[in-house]
Full PDB file with SEQRES, HELIX, SHEET, SSBOND, CRYST1, ORIGX, SCALE, CONECT and MASTER records, all heavy atoms in Angstrom:
SEQRES   1 A   34  ILE CYS VAL HIS ARG SER GLU PRO GLY ALA TRP LEU ALA          
SEQRES   2 A   34  ALA GLY GLU ALA ALA ALA LEU ASP SER LEU ALA ARG ASP          
SEQRES   3 A   34  LEU ALA ALA TRP ARG SER TRP TYR                              
HELIX    1 AA1 ALA A   14  TRP A   33  1                                  20    
CRYST1    1.000    1.000    1.000  90.00  90.00  90.00 P 1           1          
ORIGX1      1.000000  0.000000  0.000000        0.00000                         
ORIGX2      0.000000  1.000000  0.000000        0.00000                         
ORIGX3      0.000000  0.000000  1.000000        0.00000                         
SCALE1      1.000000  0.000000  0.000000        0.00000                         
SCALE2      0.000000  1.000000  0.000000        0.00000                         
SCALE3      0.000000  0.000000  1.000000        0.00000                         
ATOM      1  N   ILE A   1     -28.443 -82.195 -11.813  1.00  0.00           N  
ATOM      2  CA  ILE A   1     -29.888 -81.924 -11.628  1.00  0.00           C  
ATOM      3  C   ILE A   1     -30.642 -82.513 -12.819  1.00  0.00           C  
ATOM      4  O   ILE A   1     -30.234 -82.334 -13.972  1.00  0.00           O  
ATOM      5  CB  ILE A   1     -30.172 -80.386 -11.621  1.00  0.00           C  
ATOM      6  CG1 ILE A   1     -29.392 -79.700 -10.486  1.00  0.00           C  
ATOM      7  CG2 ILE A   1     -31.656 -80.103 -11.454  1.00  0.00           C  
ATOM      8  CD1 ILE A   1     -29.510 -78.195 -10.505  1.00  0.00           C  
ATOM      9  N   CYS A   2     -31.704 -83.217 -12.516  1.00  0.00           N  
ATOM     10  CA  CYS A   2     -32.533 -83.828 -13.573  1.00  0.00           C  
ATOM     11  C   CYS A   2     -33.975 -83.415 -13.384  1.00  0.00           C  
ATOM     12  O   CYS A   2     -34.520 -83.558 -12.283  1.00  0.00           O  
ATOM     13  CB  CYS A   2     -32.372 -85.372 -13.571  1.00  0.00           C  
ATOM     14  SG  CYS A   2     -33.278 -86.165 -14.988  1.00  0.00           S  
ATOM     15  N   VAL A   3     -34.664 -82.879 -14.432  1.00  0.00           N  
ATOM     16  CA  VAL A   3     -36.012 -82.492 -14.307  1.00  0.00           C  
ATOM     17  C   VAL A   3     -36.866 -83.355 -15.226  1.00  0.00           C  
ATOM     18  O   VAL A   3     -36.321 -83.889 -16.272  1.00  0.00           O  
ATOM     19  CB  VAL A   3     -36.243 -80.994 -14.576  1.00  0.00           C  
ATOM     20  CG1 VAL A   3     -35.606 -80.153 -13.539  1.00  0.00           C  
ATOM     21  CG2 VAL A   3     -35.627 -80.600 -15.949  1.00  0.00           C  
ATOM     22  N   HIS A   4     -38.113 -83.532 -14.929  1.00  0.00           N  
ATOM     23  CA  HIS A   4     -39.008 -84.475 -15.627  1.00  0.00           C  
ATOM     24  C   HIS A   4     -40.278 -83.824 -16.150  1.00  0.00           C  
ATOM     25  O   HIS A   4     -40.726 -82.861 -15.562  1.00  0.00           O  
ATOM     26  CB  HIS A   4     -39.412 -85.586 -14.674  1.00  0.00           C  
ATOM     27  CG  HIS A   4     -38.333 -86.384 -14.070  1.00  0.00           C  
ATOM     28  ND1 HIS A   4     -38.103 -87.677 -14.287  1.00  0.00           N  
ATOM     29  CD2 HIS A   4     -37.256 -85.978 -13.246  1.00  0.00           C  
ATOM     30  CE1 HIS A   4     -37.044 -88.125 -13.591  1.00  0.00           C  
ATOM     31  NE2 HIS A   4     -36.522 -87.080 -12.931  1.00  0.00           N  
ATOM     32  N   ARG A   5     -40.812 -84.368 -17.216  1.00  0.00           N  
ATOM     33  CA  ARG A   5     -42.078 -83.915 -17.694  1.00  0.00           C  
ATOM     34  C   ARG A   5     -42.863 -85.163 -18.228  1.00  0.00           C  
ATOM     35  O   ARG A   5     -42.241 -86.124 -18.741  1.00  0.00           O  
ATOM     36  CB  ARG A   5     -41.882 -82.922 -18.841  1.00  0.00           C  
ATOM     37  CG  ARG A   5     -43.185 -82.299 -19.333  1.00  0.00           C  
ATOM     38  CD  ARG A   5     -43.000 -81.407 -20.509  1.00  0.00           C  
ATOM     39  NE  ARG A   5     -44.166 -80.699 -20.908  1.00  0.00           N  
ATOM     40  CZ  ARG A   5     -44.351 -80.153 -22.090  1.00  0.00           C  
ATOM     41  NH1 ARG A   5     -43.406 -80.225 -22.999  1.00  0.00           N  
ATOM     42  NH2 ARG A   5     -45.461 -79.509 -22.394  1.00  0.00           N  
ATOM     43  N   SER A   6     -44.195 -85.155 -18.119  1.00  0.00           N  
ATOM     44  CA  SER A   6     -44.963 -86.322 -18.486  1.00  0.00           C  
ATOM     45  C   SER A   6     -45.287 -86.378 -19.979  1.00  0.00           C  
ATOM     46  O   SER A   6     -45.492 -87.453 -20.521  1.00  0.00           O  
ATOM     47  CB  SER A   6     -46.260 -86.370 -17.684  1.00  0.00           C  
ATOM     48  OG  SER A   6     -47.001 -85.133 -17.888  1.00  0.00           O  
ATOM     49  N   GLU A   7     -45.348 -85.241 -20.641  1.00  0.00           N  
ATOM     50  CA  GLU A   7     -45.741 -85.209 -22.052  1.00  0.00           C  
ATOM     51  C   GLU A   7     -44.472 -85.196 -22.936  1.00  0.00           C  
ATOM     52  O   GLU A   7     -43.664 -84.336 -22.825  1.00  0.00           O  
ATOM     53  CB  GLU A   7     -46.561 -83.979 -22.384  1.00  0.00           C  
ATOM     54  CG  GLU A   7     -47.929 -83.954 -21.704  1.00  0.00           C  
ATOM     55  CD  GLU A   7     -48.807 -85.116 -22.210  1.00  0.00           C  
ATOM     56  OE1 GLU A   7     -48.711 -85.466 -23.428  1.00  0.00           O  
ATOM     57  OE2 GLU A   7     -49.597 -85.643 -21.426  1.00  0.00           O  
ATOM     58  N   PRO A   8     -44.294 -86.160 -23.841  1.00  0.00           N  
ATOM     59  CA  PRO A   8     -43.124 -86.217 -24.691  1.00  0.00           C  
ATOM     60  C   PRO A   8     -43.081 -85.034 -25.673  1.00  0.00           C  
ATOM     61  O   PRO A   8     -44.110 -84.494 -26.023  1.00  0.00           O  
ATOM     62  CB  PRO A   8     -43.212 -87.566 -25.373  1.00  0.00           C  
ATOM     63  CG  PRO A   8     -44.698 -87.856 -25.400  1.00  0.00           C  
ATOM     64  CD  PRO A   8     -45.234 -87.283 -24.125  1.00  0.00           C  
ATOM     65  N   GLY A   9     -41.928 -84.713 -26.164  1.00  0.00           N  
ATOM     66  CA  GLY A   9     -41.798 -83.712 -27.171  1.00  0.00           C  
ATOM     67  C   GLY A   9     -40.937 -82.542 -26.652  1.00  0.00           C  
ATOM     68  O   GLY A   9     -40.264 -82.614 -25.623  1.00  0.00           O  
ATOM     69  N   ALA A  10     -40.890 -81.458 -27.474  1.00  0.00           N  
ATOM     70  CA  ALA A  10     -40.106 -80.280 -27.150  1.00  0.00           C  
ATOM     71  C   ALA A  10     -40.594 -79.698 -25.822  1.00  0.00           C  
ATOM     72  O   ALA A  10     -41.793 -79.715 -25.538  1.00  0.00           O  
ATOM     73  CB  ALA A  10     -40.259 -79.246 -28.289  1.00  0.00           C  
ATOM     74  N   TRP A  11     -39.616 -79.228 -25.068  1.00  0.00           N  
ATOM     75  CA  TRP A  11     -39.994 -78.747 -23.708  1.00  0.00           C  
ATOM     76  C   TRP A  11     -39.342 -77.446 -23.366  1.00  0.00           C  
ATOM     77  O   TRP A  11     -39.903 -76.393 -23.474  1.00  0.00           O  
ATOM     78  CB  TRP A  11     -39.640 -79.853 -22.706  1.00  0.00           C  
ATOM     79  CG  TRP A  11     -39.907 -79.520 -21.309  1.00  0.00           C  
ATOM     80  CD1 TRP A  11     -40.734 -78.587 -20.791  1.00  0.00           C  
ATOM     81  CD2 TRP A  11     -39.341 -80.167 -20.176  1.00  0.00           C  
ATOM     82  NE1 TRP A  11     -40.749 -78.577 -19.427  1.00  0.00           N  
ATOM     83  CE2 TRP A  11     -39.904 -79.578 -19.001  1.00  0.00           C  
ATOM     84  CE3 TRP A  11     -38.426 -81.216 -19.991  1.00  0.00           C  
ATOM     85  CZ2 TRP A  11     -39.558 -79.961 -17.741  1.00  0.00           C  
ATOM     86  CZ3 TRP A  11     -38.111 -81.621 -18.710  1.00  0.00           C  
ATOM     87  CH2 TRP A  11     -38.648 -81.013 -17.591  1.00  0.00           C  
ATOM     88  N   LEU A  12     -38.048 -77.469 -22.971  1.00  0.00           N  
ATOM     89  CA  LEU A  12     -37.431 -76.273 -22.398  1.00  0.00           C  
ATOM     90  C   LEU A  12     -37.094 -75.306 -23.517  1.00  0.00           C  
ATOM     91  O   LEU A  12     -36.506 -75.630 -24.505  1.00  0.00           O  
ATOM     92  CB  LEU A  12     -36.104 -76.671 -21.668  1.00  0.00           C  
ATOM     93  CG  LEU A  12     -36.262 -77.569 -20.468  1.00  0.00           C  
ATOM     94  CD1 LEU A  12     -34.905 -77.919 -19.874  1.00  0.00           C  
ATOM     95  CD2 LEU A  12     -37.034 -76.817 -19.323  1.00  0.00           C  
ATOM     96  N   ALA A  13     -37.530 -74.043 -23.276  1.00  0.00           N  
ATOM     97  CA  ALA A  13     -37.105 -72.961 -24.118  1.00  0.00           C  
ATOM     98  C   ALA A  13     -35.652 -72.671 -23.762  1.00  0.00           C  
ATOM     99  O   ALA A  13     -35.137 -73.017 -22.677  1.00  0.00           O  
ATOM    100  CB  ALA A  13     -37.998 -71.744 -23.914  1.00  0.00           C  
ATOM    101  N   ALA A  14     -34.993 -71.817 -24.630  1.00  0.00           N  
ATOM    102  CA  ALA A  14     -33.587 -71.478 -24.392  1.00  0.00           C  
ATOM    103  C   ALA A  14     -33.411 -70.783 -23.044  1.00  0.00           C  
ATOM    104  O   ALA A  14     -32.464 -71.122 -22.288  1.00  0.00           O  
ATOM    105  CB  ALA A  14     -33.034 -70.656 -25.497  1.00  0.00           C  
ATOM    106  N   GLY A  15     -34.300 -69.874 -22.653  1.00  0.00           N  
ATOM    107  CA  GLY A  15     -34.173 -69.162 -21.439  1.00  0.00           C  
ATOM    108  C   GLY A  15     -34.385 -70.092 -20.219  1.00  0.00           C  
ATOM    109  O   GLY A  15     -33.701 -69.899 -19.215  1.00  0.00           O  
ATOM    110  N   GLU A  16     -35.277 -71.071 -20.345  1.00  0.00           N  
ATOM    111  CA  GLU A  16     -35.523 -71.998 -19.248  1.00  0.00           C  
ATOM    112  C   GLU A  16     -34.321 -72.911 -19.043  1.00  0.00           C  
ATOM    113  O   GLU A  16     -33.892 -73.162 -17.918  1.00  0.00           O  
ATOM    114  CB  GLU A  16     -36.736 -72.834 -19.508  1.00  0.00           C  
ATOM    115  CG  GLU A  16     -38.044 -71.986 -19.521  1.00  0.00           C  
ATOM    116  CD  GLU A  16     -39.263 -72.765 -20.041  1.00  0.00           C  
ATOM    117  OE1 GLU A  16     -39.040 -73.704 -20.820  1.00  0.00           O  
ATOM    118  OE2 GLU A  16     -40.355 -72.433 -19.645  1.00  0.00           O  
ATOM    119  N   ALA A  17     -33.735 -73.393 -20.139  1.00  0.00           N  
ATOM    120  CA  ALA A  17     -32.519 -74.264 -20.030  1.00  0.00           C  
ATOM    121  C   ALA A  17     -31.374 -73.475 -19.429  1.00  0.00           C  
ATOM    122  O   ALA A  17     -30.620 -73.999 -18.585  1.00  0.00           O  
ATOM    123  CB  ALA A  17     -32.114 -74.799 -21.415  1.00  0.00           C  
ATOM    124  N   ALA A  18     -31.247 -72.192 -19.828  1.00  0.00           N  
ATOM    125  CA  ALA A  18     -30.141 -71.352 -19.280  1.00  0.00           C  
ATOM    126  C   ALA A  18     -30.359 -71.134 -17.777  1.00  0.00           C  
ATOM    127  O   ALA A  18     -29.414 -71.163 -16.994  1.00  0.00           O  
ATOM    128  CB  ALA A  18     -30.106 -69.998 -20.019  1.00  0.00           C  
ATOM    129  N   ALA A  19     -31.645 -70.925 -17.355  1.00  0.00           N  
ATOM    130  CA  ALA A  19     -31.915 -70.755 -15.921  1.00  0.00           C  
ATOM    131  C   ALA A  19     -31.584 -72.013 -15.159  1.00  0.00           C  
ATOM    132  O   ALA A  19     -31.048 -71.941 -14.028  1.00  0.00           O  
ATOM    133  CB  ALA A  19     -33.370 -70.376 -15.733  1.00  0.00           C  
ATOM    134  N   LEU A  20     -31.910 -73.143 -15.694  1.00  0.00           N  
ATOM    135  CA  LEU A  20     -31.630 -74.432 -14.996  1.00  0.00           C  
ATOM    136  C   LEU A  20     -30.107 -74.654 -14.936  1.00  0.00           C  
ATOM    137  O   LEU A  20     -29.566 -75.111 -13.917  1.00  0.00           O  
ATOM    138  CB  LEU A  20     -32.294 -75.579 -15.701  1.00  0.00           C  
ATOM    139  CG  LEU A  20     -32.320 -76.910 -15.000  1.00  0.00           C  
ATOM    140  CD1 LEU A  20     -33.024 -76.796 -13.652  1.00  0.00           C  
ATOM    141  CD2 LEU A  20     -33.002 -77.984 -15.813  1.00  0.00           C  
ATOM    142  N   ASP A  21     -29.390 -74.342 -15.982  1.00  0.00           N  
ATOM    143  CA  ASP A  21     -27.944 -74.524 -15.981  1.00  0.00           C  
ATOM    144  C   ASP A  21     -27.322 -73.551 -14.989  1.00  0.00           C  
ATOM    145  O   ASP A  21     -26.337 -73.902 -14.341  1.00  0.00           O  
ATOM    146  CB  ASP A  21     -27.361 -74.256 -17.405  1.00  0.00           C  
ATOM    147  CG  ASP A  21     -27.833 -75.287 -18.422  1.00  0.00           C  
ATOM    148  OD1 ASP A  21     -28.336 -76.359 -17.934  1.00  0.00           O  
ATOM    149  OD2 ASP A  21     -27.757 -75.036 -19.582  1.00  0.00           O  
ATOM    150  N   SER A  22     -27.881 -72.380 -14.865  1.00  0.00           N  
ATOM    151  CA  SER A  22     -27.356 -71.382 -13.878  1.00  0.00           C  
ATOM    152  C   SER A  22     -27.570 -71.954 -12.479  1.00  0.00           C  
ATOM    153  O   SER A  22     -26.702 -71.755 -11.582  1.00  0.00           O  
ATOM    154  CB  SER A  22     -28.028 -70.060 -14.076  1.00  0.00           C  
ATOM    155  OG  SER A  22     -27.642 -69.143 -13.082  1.00  0.00           O  
ATOM    156  N   LEU A  23     -28.731 -72.539 -12.240  1.00  0.00           N  
ATOM    157  CA  LEU A  23     -28.991 -73.162 -10.946  1.00  0.00           C  
ATOM    158  C   LEU A  23     -27.942 -74.270 -10.664  1.00  0.00           C  
ATOM    159  O   LEU A  23     -27.495 -74.319  -9.520  1.00  0.00           O  
ATOM    160  CB  LEU A  23     -30.396 -73.669 -10.871  1.00  0.00           C  
ATOM    161  CG  LEU A  23     -30.740 -74.489  -9.607  1.00  0.00           C  
ATOM    162  CD1 LEU A  23     -30.664 -73.615  -8.396  1.00  0.00           C  
ATOM    163  CD2 LEU A  23     -32.152 -75.099  -9.740  1.00  0.00           C  
ATOM    164  N   ALA A  24     -27.657 -75.013 -11.623  1.00  0.00           N  
ATOM    165  CA  ALA A  24     -26.681 -76.164 -11.473  1.00  0.00           C  
ATOM    166  C   ALA A  24     -25.343 -75.549 -11.066  1.00  0.00           C  
ATOM    167  O   ALA A  24     -24.652 -76.101 -10.143  1.00  0.00           O  
ATOM    168  CB  ALA A  24     -26.548 -76.947 -12.730  1.00  0.00           C  
ATOM    169  N   ARG A  25     -24.928 -74.420 -11.642  1.00  0.00           N  
ATOM    170  CA  ARG A  25     -23.617 -73.822 -11.258  1.00  0.00           C  
ATOM    171  C   ARG A  25     -23.722 -73.282  -9.856  1.00  0.00           C  
ATOM    172  O   ARG A  25     -22.727 -73.356  -9.060  1.00  0.00           O  
ATOM    173  CB  ARG A  25     -23.303 -72.728 -12.273  1.00  0.00           C  
ATOM    174  CG  ARG A  25     -22.863 -73.219 -13.598  1.00  0.00           C  
ATOM    175  CD  ARG A  25     -22.260 -72.115 -14.497  1.00  0.00           C  
ATOM    176  NE  ARG A  25     -23.233 -71.057 -14.749  1.00  0.00           N  
ATOM    177  CZ  ARG A  25     -24.098 -71.087 -15.783  1.00  0.00           C  
ATOM    178  NH1 ARG A  25     -24.026 -72.091 -16.666  1.00  0.00           N  
ATOM    179  NH2 ARG A  25     -24.925 -70.042 -16.001  1.00  0.00           N  
ATOM    180  N   ASP A  26     -24.891 -72.711  -9.470  1.00  0.00           N  
ATOM    181  CA  ASP A  26     -25.022 -72.197  -8.097  1.00  0.00           C  
ATOM    182  C   ASP A  26     -24.943 -73.332  -7.098  1.00  0.00           C  
ATOM    183  O   ASP A  26     -24.355 -73.164  -6.037  1.00  0.00           O  
ATOM    184  CB  ASP A  26     -26.394 -71.501  -7.969  1.00  0.00           C  
ATOM    185  CG  ASP A  26     -26.424 -70.146  -8.670  1.00  0.00           C  
ATOM    186  OD1 ASP A  26     -25.338 -69.615  -9.008  1.00  0.00           O  
ATOM    187  OD2 ASP A  26     -27.507 -69.603  -8.852  1.00  0.00           O  
ATOM    188  N   LEU A  27     -25.596 -74.470  -7.410  1.00  0.00           N  
ATOM    189  CA  LEU A  27     -25.543 -75.562  -6.507  1.00  0.00           C  
ATOM    190  C   LEU A  27     -24.136 -76.144  -6.390  1.00  0.00           C  
ATOM    191  O   LEU A  27     -23.755 -76.586  -5.346  1.00  0.00           O  
ATOM    192  CB  LEU A  27     -26.565 -76.661  -6.928  1.00  0.00           C  
ATOM    193  CG  LEU A  27     -28.041 -76.324  -6.727  1.00  0.00           C  
ATOM    194  CD1 LEU A  27     -28.905 -77.445  -7.343  1.00  0.00           C  
ATOM    195  CD2 LEU A  27     -28.364 -76.174  -5.290  1.00  0.00           C  
ATOM    196  N   ALA A  28     -23.429 -76.154  -7.514  1.00  0.00           N  
ATOM    197  CA  ALA A  28     -22.070 -76.653  -7.471  1.00  0.00           C  
ATOM    198  C   ALA A  28     -21.205 -75.775  -6.535  1.00  0.00           C  
ATOM    199  O   ALA A  28     -20.442 -76.251  -5.737  1.00  0.00           O  
ATOM    200  CB  ALA A  28     -21.487 -76.687  -8.900  1.00  0.00           C  
ATOM    201  N   ALA A  29     -21.389 -74.462  -6.639  1.00  0.00           N  
ATOM    202  CA  ALA A  29     -20.661 -73.527  -5.777  1.00  0.00           C  
ATOM    203  C   ALA A  29     -21.062 -73.685  -4.339  1.00  0.00           C  
ATOM    204  O   ALA A  29     -20.279 -73.693  -3.452  1.00  0.00           O  
ATOM    205  CB  ALA A  29     -20.933 -72.096  -6.211  1.00  0.00           C  
ATOM    206  N   TRP A  30     -22.401 -73.896  -4.128  1.00  0.00           N  
ATOM    207  CA  TRP A  30     -22.879 -74.093  -2.748  1.00  0.00           C  
ATOM    208  C   TRP A  30     -22.298 -75.373  -2.150  1.00  0.00           C  
ATOM    209  O   TRP A  30     -21.871 -75.386  -1.001  1.00  0.00           O  
ATOM    210  CB  TRP A  30     -24.402 -74.174  -2.707  1.00  0.00           C  
ATOM    211  CG  TRP A  30     -24.939 -74.252  -1.309  1.00  0.00           C  
ATOM    212  CD1 TRP A  30     -25.248 -73.298  -0.453  1.00  0.00           C  
ATOM    213  CD2 TRP A  30     -25.190 -75.486  -0.624  1.00  0.00           C  
ATOM    214  NE1 TRP A  30     -25.685 -73.778   0.737  1.00  0.00           N  
ATOM    215  CE2 TRP A  30     -25.669 -75.115   0.714  1.00  0.00           C  
ATOM    216  CE3 TRP A  30     -25.064 -76.861  -0.946  1.00  0.00           C  
ATOM    217  CZ2 TRP A  30     -26.042 -76.068   1.680  1.00  0.00           C  
ATOM    218  CZ3 TRP A  30     -25.414 -77.812   0.015  1.00  0.00           C  
ATOM    219  CH2 TRP A  30     -25.865 -77.411   1.268  1.00  0.00           C  
ATOM    220  N   ARG A  31     -22.324 -76.436  -2.937  1.00  0.00           N  
ATOM    221  CA  ARG A  31     -21.814 -77.730  -2.380  1.00  0.00           C  
ATOM    222  C   ARG A  31     -20.299 -77.623  -2.095  1.00  0.00           C  
ATOM    223  O   ARG A  31     -19.824 -78.169  -1.089  1.00  0.00           O  
ATOM    224  CB  ARG A  31     -22.057 -78.842  -3.325  1.00  0.00           C  
ATOM    225  CG  ARG A  31     -21.818 -80.205  -2.671  1.00  0.00           C  
ATOM    226  CD  ARG A  31     -21.906 -81.337  -3.516  1.00  0.00           C  
ATOM    227  NE  ARG A  31     -21.795 -82.614  -2.713  1.00  0.00           N  
ATOM    228  CZ  ARG A  31     -21.227 -83.714  -3.201  1.00  0.00           C  
ATOM    229  NH1 ARG A  31     -20.775 -83.796  -4.444  1.00  0.00           N  
ATOM    230  NH2 ARG A  31     -21.164 -84.769  -2.428  1.00  0.00           N  
ATOM    231  N   SER A  32     -19.587 -76.930  -2.932  1.00  0.00           N  
ATOM    232  CA  SER A  32     -18.137 -76.720  -2.643  1.00  0.00           C  
ATOM    233  C   SER A  32     -17.953 -76.016  -1.341  1.00  0.00           C  
ATOM    234  O   SER A  32     -17.122 -76.377  -0.549  1.00  0.00           O  
ATOM    235  CB  SER A  32     -17.514 -75.974  -3.824  1.00  0.00           C  
ATOM    236  OG  SER A  32     -16.153 -75.757  -3.595  1.00  0.00           O  
ATOM    237  N   TRP A  33     -18.761 -74.926  -1.161  1.00  0.00           N  
ATOM    238  CA  TRP A  33     -18.721 -74.166   0.070  1.00  0.00           C  
ATOM    239  C   TRP A  33     -19.077 -75.112   1.276  1.00  0.00           C  
ATOM    240  O   TRP A  33     -18.418 -75.109   2.320  1.00  0.00           O  
ATOM    241  CB  TRP A  33     -19.654 -73.006   0.049  1.00  0.00           C  
ATOM    242  CG  TRP A  33     -19.859 -72.382   1.420  1.00  0.00           C  
ATOM    243  CD1 TRP A  33     -19.099 -71.442   2.017  1.00  0.00           C  
ATOM    244  CD2 TRP A  33     -20.934 -72.666   2.322  1.00  0.00           C  
ATOM    245  NE1 TRP A  33     -19.585 -71.119   3.260  1.00  0.00           N  
ATOM    246  CE2 TRP A  33     -20.711 -71.873   3.474  1.00  0.00           C  
ATOM    247  CE3 TRP A  33     -22.047 -73.503   2.296  1.00  0.00           C  
ATOM    248  CZ2 TRP A  33     -21.595 -71.879   4.579  1.00  0.00           C  
ATOM    249  CZ3 TRP A  33     -22.891 -73.527   3.379  1.00  0.00           C  
ATOM    250  CH2 TRP A  33     -22.666 -72.707   4.504  1.00  0.00           C  
ATOM    251  N   TYR A  34     -20.167 -75.892   1.150  1.00  0.00           N  
ATOM    252  CA  TYR A  34     -20.654 -76.733   2.216  1.00  0.00           C  
ATOM    253  C   TYR A  34     -19.571 -77.717   2.653  1.00  0.00           C  
ATOM    254  O   TYR A  34     -19.339 -77.962   3.873  1.00  0.00           O  
ATOM    255  CB  TYR A  34     -21.897 -77.450   1.713  1.00  0.00           C  
ATOM    256  CG  TYR A  34     -22.585 -78.350   2.744  1.00  0.00           C  
ATOM    257  CD1 TYR A  34     -23.486 -77.815   3.698  1.00  0.00           C  
ATOM    258  CD2 TYR A  34     -22.355 -79.711   2.767  1.00  0.00           C  
ATOM    259  CE1 TYR A  34     -24.075 -78.594   4.616  1.00  0.00           C  
ATOM    260  CE2 TYR A  34     -22.966 -80.526   3.718  1.00  0.00           C  
ATOM    261  CZ  TYR A  34     -23.828 -79.934   4.633  1.00  0.00           C  
ATOM    262  OH  TYR A  34     -24.470 -80.729   5.543  1.00  0.00           O  
TER     263      TYR A  34                                                      
MASTER        0    0    0    1    0    0    0    6  262    1    0    3          
END                                                                             
């Protein structure tokens, strides 16, 4: 999963990065099931 932002600099807070990483694991599990 790759996400984008138009303004350079610091972006994802720790909680946001963790949520995105959790989504990546969910999608990996879903694709394995699919």
